[in-house]
């Protein structure tokens, strides 16, 4: 099973597509959940997900607005998609029968 932050990061990657990077992932999580997402937490989670084979990364081109530095772009893998689907299915199953206020749609 994925942890809660891992689920949020993978869901953000699904929403954002292949050109996601740490800042956009953090912003998407904050915008959609209303929760603070710290850069360190997001980048640590992305690295852990990459180690597990659920995320891939690539370096983008250097940009002048970043002082010649490159962005590291992330994308969810097929294995990551399977794991996320399984994890969300498990959550949905666990909420079934708990009442309308706690059930996931």
PDB file of N, CA and C in Angstrom:
ATOM      1  N   UNK A   1       0.834  -1.188   0.000  1.00  0.00           N
ATOM      2  CA  UNK A   1       0.000   0.000   0.000  1.00  0.00           C
ATOM      3  C   UNK A   1       0.877   1.248   0.000  1.00  0.00           C
ATOM      4  N   UNK A   2       0.375   2.239  -0.662  1.00  0.00           N
ATOM      5  CA  UNK A   2       1.048   3.522  -0.679  1.00  0.00           C
ATOM      6  C   UNK A   2       0.666   4.323   0.555  1.00  0.00           C
ATOM      7  N   UNK A   3       1.570   5.170   1.014  1.00  0.00           N
ATOM      8  CA  UNK A   3       1.240   6.100   2.081  1.00  0.00           C
ATOM      9  C   UNK A   3       0.414   7.254   1.534  1.00  0.00           C
ATOM     10  N   UNK A   4      -0.169   8.020   2.429  1.00  0.00           N
ATOM     11  CA  UNK A   4      -1.027   9.125   2.028  1.00  0.00           C
ATOM     12  C   UNK A   4      -0.320  10.170   1.177  1.00  0.00           C
ATOM     13  N   UNK A   5       0.890  10.547   1.549  1.00  0.00           N
ATOM     14  CA  UNK A   5       1.635  11.545   0.772  1.00  0.00           C
ATOM     15  C   UNK A   5       2.023  10.962  -0.580  1.00  0.00           C
ATOM     16  N   UNK A   6       2.386   9.694  -0.614  1.00  0.00           N
ATOM     17  CA  UNK A   6       2.706   9.052  -1.894  1.00  0.00           C
ATOM     18  C   UNK A   6       1.494   9.081  -2.820  1.00  0.00           C
ATOM     19  N   UNK A   7       0.317   8.813  -2.278  1.00  0.00           N
ATOM     20  CA  UNK A   7      -0.905   8.873  -3.087  1.00  0.00           C
ATOM     21  C   UNK A   7      -1.120  10.274  -3.642  1.00  0.00           C
ATOM     22  N   UNK A   8      -0.970  11.287  -2.797  1.00  0.00           N
ATOM     23  CA  UNK A   8      -1.163  12.663  -3.247  1.00  0.00           C
ATOM     24  C   UNK A   8      -0.172  13.049  -4.339  1.00  0.00           C
ATOM     25  N   UNK A   9       1.075  12.662  -4.180  1.00  0.00           N
ATOM     26  CA  UNK A   9       2.101  12.990  -5.186  1.00  0.00           C
ATOM     27  C   UNK A   9       1.786  12.286  -6.506  1.00  0.00           C
ATOM     28  N   UNK A  10       1.433  11.013  -6.451  1.00  0.00           N
ATOM     29  CA  UNK A  10       1.104  10.291  -7.685  1.00  0.00           C
ATOM     30  C   UNK A  10      -0.146  10.863  -8.350  1.00  0.00           C
ATOM     31  N   UNK A  11      -1.138  11.211  -7.561  1.00  0.00           N
ATOM     32  CA  UNK A  11      -2.347  11.822  -8.124  1.00  0.00           C
ATOM     33  C   UNK A  11      -2.016  13.160  -8.791  1.00  0.00           C
ATOM     34  N   UNK A  12      -1.139  13.937  -8.181  1.00  0.00           N
ATOM     35  CA  UNK A  12      -0.715  15.205  -8.788  1.00  0.00           C
ATOM     36  C   UNK A  12      -0.006  14.946 -10.119  1.00  0.00           C
ATOM     37  N   UNK A  13       0.833  13.914 -10.169  1.00  0.00           N
ATOM     38  CA  UNK A  13       1.528  13.586 -11.423  1.00  0.00           C
ATOM     39  C   UNK A  13       0.541  13.174 -12.511  1.00  0.00           C
ATOM     40  N   UNK A  14      -0.480  12.423 -12.145  1.00  0.00           N
ATOM     41  CA  UNK A  14      -1.500  12.028 -13.115  1.00  0.00           C
ATOM     42  C   UNK A  14      -2.187  13.278 -13.670  1.00  0.00           C
ATOM     43  N   UNK A  15      -2.541  14.198 -12.787  1.00  0.00           N
ATOM     44  CA  UNK A  15      -3.240  15.416 -13.206  1.00  0.00           C
ATOM     45  C   UNK A  15      -2.351  16.328 -14.053  1.00  0.00           C
ATOM     46  N   UNK A  16      -1.083  16.434 -13.703  1.00  0.00           N
ATOM     47  CA  UNK A  16      -0.191  17.400 -14.342  1.00  0.00           C
ATOM     48  C   UNK A  16       0.463  16.896 -15.624  1.00  0.00           C
ATOM     49  N   UNK A  17       0.602  15.598 -15.770  1.00  0.00           N
ATOM     50  CA  UNK A  17       1.212  15.046 -16.974  1.00  0.00           C
ATOM     51  C   UNK A  17       2.727  14.938 -16.891  1.00  0.00           C
ATOM     52  N   UNK A  18       3.335  14.678 -18.035  1.00  0.00           N
ATOM     53  CA  UNK A  18       4.761  14.336 -18.105  1.00  0.00           C
ATOM     54  C   UNK A  18       5.723  15.465 -17.746  1.00  0.00           C
ATOM     55  N   UNK A  19       5.312  16.699 -17.831  1.00  0.00           N
ATOM     56  CA  UNK A  19       6.234  17.796 -17.544  1.00  0.00           C
ATOM     57  C   UNK A  19       6.134  18.304 -16.110  1.00  0.00           C
ATOM     58  N   UNK A  20       5.646  17.470 -15.223  1.00  0.00           N
ATOM     59  CA  UNK A  20       5.539  17.833 -13.809  1.00  0.00           C
ATOM     60  C   UNK A  20       6.931  17.978 -13.205  1.00  0.00           C
ATOM     61  N   UNK A  21       7.053  18.889 -12.284  1.00  0.00           N
ATOM     62  CA  UNK A  21       8.277  18.983 -11.501  1.00  0.00           C
ATOM     63  C   UNK A  21       7.890  19.348 -10.075  1.00  0.00           C
ATOM     64  N   UNK A  22       8.843  19.351  -9.174  1.00  0.00           N
ATOM     65  CA  UNK A  22       8.543  19.475  -7.754  1.00  0.00           C
ATOM     66  C   UNK A  22       7.622  20.626  -7.385  1.00  0.00           C
ATOM     67  N   UNK A  23       7.862  21.799  -7.951  1.00  0.00           N
ATOM     68  CA  UNK A  23       7.049  22.966  -7.610  1.00  0.00           C
ATOM     69  C   UNK A  23       5.607  22.779  -8.063  1.00  0.00           C
ATOM     70  N   UNK A  24       5.410  22.281  -9.277  1.00  0.00           N
ATOM     71  CA  UNK A  24       4.037  22.106  -9.766  1.00  0.00           C
ATOM     72  C   UNK A  24       3.306  21.016  -8.992  1.00  0.00           C
ATOM     73  N   UNK A  25       4.026  19.982  -8.592  1.00  0.00           N
ATOM     74  CA  UNK A  25       3.422  18.918  -7.782  1.00  0.00           C
ATOM     75  C   UNK A  25       2.981  19.493  -6.436  1.00  0.00           C
ATOM     76  N   UNK A  26       3.877  20.236  -5.800  1.00  0.00           N
ATOM     77  CA  UNK A  26       3.532  20.855  -4.515  1.00  0.00           C
ATOM     78  C   UNK A  26       2.339  21.791  -4.654  1.00  0.00           C
ATOM     79  N   UNK A  27       2.352  22.630  -5.679  1.00  0.00           N
ATOM     80  CA  UNK A  27       1.255  23.585  -5.886  1.00  0.00           C
ATOM     81  C   UNK A  27      -0.073  22.872  -6.124  1.00  0.00           C
ATOM     82  N   UNK A  28      -0.046  21.794  -6.884  1.00  0.00           N
ATOM     83  CA  UNK A  28      -1.271  21.033  -7.173  1.00  0.00           C
ATOM     84  C   UNK A  28      -1.836  20.408  -5.899  1.00  0.00           C
ATOM     85  N   UNK A  29      -0.970  19.852  -5.077  1.00  0.00           N
ATOM     86  CA  UNK A  29      -1.412  19.260  -3.814  1.00  0.00           C
ATOM     87  C   UNK A  29      -2.025  20.334  -2.918  1.00  0.00           C
ATOM     88  N   UNK A  30      -1.349  21.463  -2.796  1.00  0.00           N
ATOM     89  CA  UNK A  30      -1.866  22.535  -1.943  1.00  0.00           C
ATOM     90  C   UNK A  30      -3.191  23.084  -2.469  1.00  0.00           C
ATOM     91  N   UNK A  31      -3.275  23.273  -3.773  1.00  0.00           N
ATOM     92  CA  UNK A  31      -4.483  23.831  -4.376  1.00  0.00           C
ATOM     93  C   UNK A  31      -5.678  22.903  -4.198  1.00  0.00           C
ATOM     94  N   UNK A  32      -5.466  21.618  -4.397  1.00  0.00           N
ATOM     95  CA  UNK A  32      -6.578  20.668  -4.358  1.00  0.00           C
ATOM     96  C   UNK A  32      -6.947  20.206  -2.957  1.00  0.00           C
ATOM     97  N   UNK A  33      -5.980  20.174  -2.041  1.00  0.00           N
ATOM     98  CA  UNK A  33      -6.270  19.661  -0.692  1.00  0.00           C
ATOM     99  C   UNK A  33      -6.410  20.758   0.354  1.00  0.00           C
ATOM    100  N   UNK A  34      -5.869  21.937   0.070  1.00  0.00           N
ATOM    101  CA  UNK A  34      -5.866  23.004   1.064  1.00  0.00           C
ATOM    102  C   UNK A  34      -4.847  22.774   2.170  1.00  0.00           C
ATOM    103  N   UNK A  35      -3.981  21.784   1.982  1.00  0.00           N
ATOM    104  CA  UNK A  35      -2.946  21.457   2.967  1.00  0.00           C
ATOM    105  C   UNK A  35      -1.596  21.980   2.503  1.00  0.00           C
ATOM    106  N   UNK A  36      -0.760  22.375   3.469  1.00  0.00           N
ATOM    107  CA  UNK A  36       0.605  22.772   3.128  1.00  0.00           C
ATOM    108  C   UNK A  36       1.383  21.538   2.699  1.00  0.00           C
ATOM    109  N   UNK A  37       2.098  21.672   1.614  1.00  0.00           N
ATOM    110  CA  UNK A  37       2.977  20.603   1.144  1.00  0.00           C
ATOM    111  C   UNK A  37       4.383  21.194   1.081  1.00  0.00           C
ATOM    112  N   UNK A  38       5.252  20.722   1.915  1.00  0.00           N
ATOM    113  CA  UNK A  38       6.609  21.257   1.986  1.00  0.00           C
ATOM    114  C   UNK A  38       7.463  20.668   0.860  1.00  0.00           C
ATOM    115  N   UNK A  39       8.342  21.514   0.316  1.00  0.00           N
ATOM    116  CA  UNK A  39       9.200  21.064  -0.775  1.00  0.00           C
ATOM    117  C   UNK A  39       9.985  19.817  -0.400  1.00  0.00           C
ATOM    118  N   UNK A  40      10.549  19.808   0.785  1.00  0.00           N
ATOM    119  CA  UNK A  40      11.342  18.657   1.213  1.00  0.00           C
ATOM    120  C   UNK A  40      10.540  17.374   1.206  1.00  0.00           C
ATOM    121  N   UNK A  41       9.308  17.450   1.665  1.00  0.00           N
ATOM    122  CA  UNK A  41       8.436  16.274   1.682  1.00  0.00           C
ATOM    123  C   UNK A  41       8.130  15.812   0.274  1.00  0.00           C
ATOM    124  N   UNK A  42       7.822  16.753  -0.615  1.00  0.00           N
ATOM    125  CA  UNK A  42       7.492  16.402  -2.007  1.00  0.00           C
ATOM    126  C   UNK A  42       8.699  15.771  -2.693  1.00  0.00           C
ATOM    127  N   UNK A  43       9.877  16.390  -2.572  1.00  0.00           N
ATOM    128  CA  UNK A  43      11.060  15.852  -3.251  1.00  0.00           C
ATOM    129  C   UNK A  43      11.505  14.516  -2.658  1.00  0.00           C
ATOM    130  N   UNK A  44      11.408  14.362  -1.350  1.00  0.00           N
ATOM    131  CA  UNK A  44      11.745  13.082  -0.720  1.00  0.00           C
ATOM    132  C   UNK A  44      10.798  11.993  -1.204  1.00  0.00           C
ATOM    133  N   UNK A  45       9.521  12.329  -1.292  1.00  0.00           N
ATOM    134  CA  UNK A  45       8.524  11.363  -1.757  1.00  0.00           C
ATOM    135  C   UNK A  45       8.749  11.010  -3.214  1.00  0.00           C
ATOM    136  N   UNK A  46       9.040  11.998  -4.047  1.00  0.00           N
ATOM    137  CA  UNK A  46       9.334  11.717  -5.464  1.00  0.00           C
ATOM    138  C   UNK A  46      10.542  10.788  -5.595  1.00  0.00           C
ATOM    139  N   UNK A  47      11.589  11.025  -4.811  1.00  0.00           N
ATOM    140  CA  UNK A  47      12.781  10.167  -4.859  1.00  0.00           C
ATOM    141  C   UNK A  47      12.439   8.747  -4.420  1.00  0.00           C
ATOM    142  N   UNK A  48      11.650   8.612  -3.356  1.00  0.00           N
ATOM    143  CA  UNK A  48      11.251   7.283  -2.868  1.00  0.00           C
ATOM    144  C   UNK A  48      10.414   6.556  -3.919  1.00  0.00           C
ATOM    145  N   UNK A  49       9.478   7.273  -4.548  1.00  0.00           N
ATOM    146  CA  UNK A  49       8.641   6.666  -5.585  1.00  0.00           C
ATOM    147  C   UNK A  49       9.478   6.262  -6.800  1.00  0.00           C
ATOM    148  N   UNK A  50      10.492   7.042  -7.105  1.00  0.00           N
ATOM    149  CA  UNK A  50      11.382   6.682  -8.209  1.00  0.00           C
ATOM    150  C   UNK A  50      12.178   5.431  -7.866  1.00  0.00           C
ATOM    151  N   UNK A  51      12.658   5.340  -6.636  1.00  0.00           N
ATOM    152  CA  UNK A  51      13.384   4.138  -6.190  1.00  0.00           C
ATOM    153  C   UNK A  51      12.505   2.888  -6.281  1.00  0.00           C
ATOM    154  N   UNK A  52      11.211   3.049  -6.043  1.00  0.00           N
ATOM    155  CA  UNK A  52      10.269   1.931  -6.112  1.00  0.00           C
ATOM    156  C   UNK A  52       9.846   1.601  -7.542  1.00  0.00           C
ATOM    157  N   UNK A  53      10.218   2.454  -8.500  1.00  0.00           N
ATOM    158  CA  UNK A  53       9.847   2.220  -9.898  1.00  0.00           C
ATOM    159  C   UNK A  53       8.470   2.754 -10.259  1.00  0.00           C
ATOM    160  N   UNK A  54       7.898   3.603  -9.409  1.00  0.00           N
ATOM    161  CA  UNK A  54       6.563   4.140  -9.658  1.00  0.00           C
ATOM    162  C   UNK A  54       6.593   5.489 -10.377  1.00  0.00           C
ATOM    163  N   UNK A  55       7.791   6.077 -10.458  1.00  0.00           N
ATOM    164  CA  UNK A  55       7.984   7.384 -11.083  1.00  0.00           C
ATOM    165  C   UNK A  55       9.291   7.350 -11.860  1.00  0.00           C
ATOM    166  N   UNK A  56       9.327   8.051 -12.978  1.00  0.00           N
ATOM    167  CA  UNK A  56      10.580   8.261 -13.703  1.00  0.00           C
ATOM    168  C   UNK A  56      10.872   9.757 -13.697  1.00  0.00           C
ATOM    169  N   UNK A  57      12.136  10.090 -13.926  1.00  0.00           N
ATOM    170  CA  UNK A  57      12.508  11.503 -13.996  1.00  0.00           C
ATOM    171  C   UNK A  57      13.452  11.730 -15.164  1.00  0.00           C
ATOM    172  N   UNK A  58      13.467  12.971 -15.604  1.00  0.00           N
ATOM    173  CA  UNK A  58      14.407  13.396 -16.643  1.00  0.00           C
ATOM    174  C   UNK A  58      14.743  14.857 -16.398  1.00  0.00           C
ATOM    175  N   UNK A  59      15.933  15.248 -16.801  1.00  0.00           N
ATOM    176  CA  UNK A  59      16.334  16.638 -16.653  1.00  0.00           C
ATOM    177  C   UNK A  59      15.913  17.422 -17.886  1.00  0.00           C
ATOM    178  N   UNK A  60      15.289  18.568 -17.665  1.00  0.00           N
ATOM    179  CA  UNK A  60      14.899  19.450 -18.757  1.00  0.00           C
ATOM    180  C   UNK A  60      16.089  20.294 -19.205  1.00  0.00           C
ATOM    181  N   UNK A  61      15.840  21.148 -20.165  1.00  0.00           N
ATOM    182  CA  UNK A  61      16.878  22.051 -20.656  1.00  0.00           C
ATOM    183  C   UNK A  61      17.139  23.155 -19.638  1.00  0.00           C
ATOM    184  N   UNK A  62      18.377  23.659 -19.601  1.00  0.00           N
ATOM    185  CA  UNK A  62      18.669  24.792 -18.720  1.00  0.00           C
ATOM    186  C   UNK A  62      17.844  26.011 -19.151  1.00  0.00           C
ATOM    187  N   UNK A  63      17.422  26.806 -18.196  1.00  0.00           N
ATOM    188  CA  UNK A  63      16.653  28.012 -18.519  1.00  0.00           C
ATOM    189  C   UNK A  63      17.313  29.221 -17.872  1.00  0.00           C
ATOM    190  N   UNK A  64      17.208  30.361 -18.558  1.00  0.00           N
ATOM    191  CA  UNK A  64      17.807  31.583 -18.021  1.00  0.00           C
ATOM    192  C   UNK A  64      17.094  32.043 -16.753  1.00  0.00           C
ATOM    193  N   UNK A  65      15.767  31.823 -16.676  1.00  0.00           N
ATOM    194  CA  UNK A  65      15.034  32.246 -15.476  1.00  0.00           C
ATOM    195  C   UNK A  65      15.445  31.456 -14.245  1.00  0.00           C
ATOM    196  N   UNK A  66      16.069  30.296 -14.454  1.00  0.00           N
ATOM    197  CA  UNK A  66      16.554  29.489 -13.328  1.00  0.00           C
ATOM    198  C   UNK A  66      18.068  29.596 -13.202  1.00  0.00           C
ATOM    199  N   UNK A  67      18.648  30.637 -13.803  1.00  0.00           N
ATOM    200  CA  UNK A  67      20.094  30.834 -13.713  1.00  0.00           C
ATOM    201  C   UNK A  67      20.883  29.742 -14.409  1.00  0.00           C
ATOM    202  N   UNK A  68      20.306  29.184 -15.477  1.00  0.00           N
ATOM    203  CA  UNK A  68      20.982  28.130 -16.229  1.00  0.00           C
ATOM    204  C   UNK A  68      20.796  26.736 -15.655  1.00  0.00           C
ATOM    205  N   UNK A  69      20.032  26.639 -14.574  1.00  0.00           N
ATOM    206  CA  UNK A  69      19.800  25.318 -13.979  1.00  0.00           C
ATOM    207  C   UNK A  69      18.678  24.601 -14.725  1.00  0.00           C
ATOM    208  N   UNK A  70      18.661  23.291 -14.580  1.00  0.00           N
ATOM    209  CA  UNK A  70      17.652  22.458 -15.227  1.00  0.00           C
ATOM    210  C   UNK A  70      16.583  22.035 -14.240  1.00  0.00           C
ATOM    211  N   UNK A  71      15.361  21.896 -14.720  1.00  0.00           N
ATOM    212  CA  UNK A  71      14.289  21.334 -13.908  1.00  0.00           C
ATOM    213  C   UNK A  71      14.317  19.821 -14.043  1.00  0.00           C
ATOM    214  N   UNK A  72      13.993  19.150 -12.955  1.00  0.00           N
ATOM    215  CA  UNK A  72      13.854  17.702 -12.991  1.00  0.00           C
ATOM    216  C   UNK A  72      12.367  17.398 -13.147  1.00  0.00           C
ATOM    217  N   UNK A  73      12.010  16.817 -14.281  1.00  0.00           N
ATOM    218  CA  UNK A  73      10.616  16.504 -14.589  1.00  0.00           C
ATOM    219  C   UNK A  73      10.309  15.063 -14.191  1.00  0.00           C
ATOM    220  N   UNK A  74       9.082  14.844 -13.740  1.00  0.00           N
ATOM    221  CA  UNK A  74       8.664  13.531 -13.260  1.00  0.00           C
ATOM    222  C   UNK A  74       7.430  13.056 -14.005  1.00  0.00           C
ATOM    223  N   UNK A  75       7.311  11.745 -14.124  1.00  0.00           N
ATOM    224  CA  UNK A  75       6.125  11.123 -14.726  1.00  0.00           C
ATOM    225  C   UNK A  75       5.849   9.817 -13.996  1.00  0.00           C
ATOM    226  N   UNK A  76       4.578   9.487 -13.870  1.00  0.00           N
ATOM    227  CA  UNK A  76       4.184   8.226 -13.250  1.00  0.00           C
ATOM    228  C   UNK A  76       4.398   7.106 -14.263  1.00  0.00           C
ATOM    229  N   UNK A  77       4.854   5.962 -13.792  1.00  0.00           N
ATOM    230  CA  UNK A  77       5.076   4.799 -14.654  1.00  0.00           C
ATOM    231  C   UNK A  77       3.823   3.925 -14.664  1.00  0.00           C
ATOM    232  N   UNK A  78       3.825   2.919 -15.527  1.00  0.00           N
ATOM    233  CA  UNK A  78       2.712   1.961 -15.550  1.00  0.00           C
ATOM    234  C   UNK A  78       2.598   1.257 -14.201  1.00  0.00           C
ATOM    235  N   UNK A  79       3.731   0.909 -13.604  1.00  0.00           N
ATOM    236  CA  UNK A  79       3.711   0.263 -12.285  1.00  0.00           C
ATOM    237  C   UNK A  79       3.148   1.219 -11.233  1.00  0.00           C
ATOM    238  N   UNK A  80       3.481   2.485 -11.333  1.00  0.00           N
ATOM    239  CA  UNK A  80       2.949   3.487 -10.415  1.00  0.00           C
ATOM    240  C   UNK A  80       1.445   3.644 -10.563  1.00  0.00           C
ATOM    241  N   UNK A  81       0.977   3.630 -11.805  1.00  0.00           N
ATOM    242  CA  UNK A  81      -0.460   3.729 -12.062  1.00  0.00           C
ATOM    243  C   UNK A  81      -1.187   2.529 -11.472  1.00  0.00           C
ATOM    244  N   UNK A  82      -0.635   1.334 -11.661  1.00  0.00           N
ATOM    245  CA  UNK A  82      -1.247   0.125 -11.090  1.00  0.00           C
ATOM    246  C   UNK A  82      -1.290   0.199  -9.569  1.00  0.00           C
ATOM    247  N   UNK A  83      -0.183   0.618  -8.972  1.00  0.00           N
ATOM    248  CA  UNK A  83      -0.111   0.693  -7.514  1.00  0.00           C
ATOM    249  C   UNK A  83      -1.078   1.741  -6.970  1.00  0.00           C
ATOM    250  N   UNK A  84      -1.174   2.876  -7.644  1.00  0.00           N
ATOM    251  CA  UNK A  84      -2.098   3.922  -7.216  1.00  0.00           C
ATOM    252  C   UNK A  84      -3.536   3.441  -7.324  1.00  0.00           C
ATOM    253  N   UNK A  85      -3.876   2.800  -8.415  1.00  0.00           N
ATOM    254  CA  UNK A  85      -5.226   2.278  -8.601  1.00  0.00           C
ATOM    255  C   UNK A  85      -5.574   1.275  -7.501  1.00  0.00           C
ATOM    256  N   UNK A  86      -4.644   0.372  -7.214  1.00  0.00           N
ATOM    257  CA  UNK A  86      -4.860  -0.630  -6.167  1.00  0.00           C
ATOM    258  C   UNK A  86      -5.024   0.029  -4.794  1.00  0.00           C
ATOM    259  N   UNK A  87      -4.210   1.018  -4.521  1.00  0.00           N
ATOM    260  CA  UNK A  87      -4.263   1.704  -3.240  1.00  0.00           C
ATOM    261  C   UNK A  87      -5.581   2.458  -3.071  1.00  0.00           C
ATOM    262  N   UNK A  88      -6.016   3.150  -4.117  1.00  0.00           N
ATOM    263  CA  UNK A  88      -7.279   3.881  -4.048  1.00  0.00           C
ATOM    264  C   UNK A  88      -8.471   2.934  -3.952  1.00  0.00           C
ATOM    265  N   UNK A  89      -8.384   1.803  -4.631  1.00  0.00           N
ATOM    266  CA  UNK A  89      -9.441   0.794  -4.533  1.00  0.00           C
ATOM    267  C   UNK A  89      -9.541   0.278  -3.092  1.00  0.00           C
ATOM    268  N   UNK A  90      -8.407   0.060  -2.456  1.00  0.00           N
ATOM    269  CA  UNK A  90      -8.398  -0.388  -1.070  1.00  0.00           C
ATOM    270  C   UNK A  90      -9.028   0.634  -0.137  1.00  0.00           C
ATOM    271  N   UNK A  91      -8.725   1.908  -0.341  1.00  0.00           N
ATOM    272  CA  UNK A  91      -9.349   2.956   0.472  1.00  0.00           C
ATOM    273  C   UNK A  91     -10.856   2.989   0.283  1.00  0.00           C
ATOM    274  N   UNK A  92     -11.290   2.873  -0.955  1.00  0.00           N
ATOM    275  CA  UNK A  92     -12.720   2.902  -1.245  1.00  0.00           C
ATOM    276  C   UNK A  92     -13.419   1.723  -0.569  1.00  0.00           C
ATOM    277  N   UNK A  93     -12.804   0.565  -0.632  1.00  0.00           N
ATOM    278  CA  UNK A  93     -13.370  -0.626   0.000  1.00  0.00           C
ATOM    279  C   UNK A  93     -13.452  -0.451   1.517  1.00  0.00           C
ATOM    280  N   UNK A  94     -12.424   0.137   2.099  1.00  0.00           N
ATOM    281  CA  UNK A  94     -12.405   0.343   3.547  1.00  0.00           C
ATOM    282  C   UNK A  94     -13.480   1.331   4.001  1.00  0.00           C
ATOM    283  N   UNK A  95     -13.873   2.273   3.161  1.00  0.00           N
ATOM    284  CA  UNK A  95     -14.877   3.261   3.574  1.00  0.00           C
ATOM    285  C   UNK A  95     -16.307   2.778   3.352  1.00  0.00           C
ATOM    286  N   UNK A  96     -16.451   1.751   2.533  1.00  0.00           N
ATOM    287  CA  UNK A  96     -17.802   1.238   2.249  1.00  0.00           C
ATOM    288  C   UNK A  96     -18.498   0.802   3.532  1.00  0.00           C
ATOM    289  N   UNK A  97     -19.731   1.286   3.707  1.00  0.00           N
ATOM    290  CA  UNK A  97     -20.528   0.899   4.853  1.00  0.00           C
ATOM    291  C   UNK A  97     -20.316   1.761   6.097  1.00  0.00           C
ATOM    292  N   UNK A  98     -19.463   2.775   6.009  1.00  0.00           N
ATOM    293  CA  UNK A  98     -19.208   3.627   7.168  1.00  0.00           C
ATOM    294  C   UNK A  98     -20.166   4.799   7.270  1.00  0.00           C
ATOM    295  N   UNK A  99     -21.058   4.920   6.322  1.00  0.00           N
ATOM    296  CA  UNK A  99     -21.987   6.044   6.327  1.00  0.00           C
ATOM    297  C   UNK A  99     -21.619   7.049   5.256  1.00  0.00           C
ATOM    298  N   UNK A 100     -22.610   7.790   4.832  1.00  0.00           N
ATOM    299  CA  UNK A 100     -22.441   8.720   3.708  1.00  0.00           C
ATOM    300  C   UNK A 100     -21.347   9.766   3.961  1.00  0.00           C
ATOM    301  N   UNK A 101     -21.126  10.157   5.192  1.00  0.00           N
ATOM    302  CA  UNK A 101     -20.123  11.197   5.466  1.00  0.00           C
ATOM    303  C   UNK A 101     -18.697  10.701   5.314  1.00  0.00           C
ATOM    304  N   UNK A 102     -18.488   9.396   5.363  1.00  0.00           N
ATOM    305  CA  UNK A 102     -17.126   8.864   5.284  1.00  0.00           C
ATOM    306  C   UNK A 102     -16.863   8.064   4.020  1.00  0.00           C
ATOM    307  N   UNK A 103     -17.876   7.766   3.246  1.00  0.00           N
ATOM    308  CA  UNK A 103     -17.675   6.961   2.049  1.00  0.00           C
ATOM    309  C   UNK A 103     -17.119   7.806   0.911  1.00  0.00           C
ATOM    310  N   UNK A 104     -16.225   7.203   0.160  1.00  0.00           N
ATOM    311  CA  UNK A 104     -15.689   7.845  -1.036  1.00  0.00           C
ATOM    312  C   UNK A 104     -16.664   7.612  -2.178  1.00  0.00           C
ATOM    313  N   UNK A 105     -16.795   8.552  -3.085  1.00  0.00           N
ATOM    314  CA  UNK A 105     -17.707   8.344  -4.228  1.00  0.00           C
ATOM    315  C   UNK A 105     -17.247   7.209  -5.117  1.00  0.00           C
TER     316      UNK A 105
END
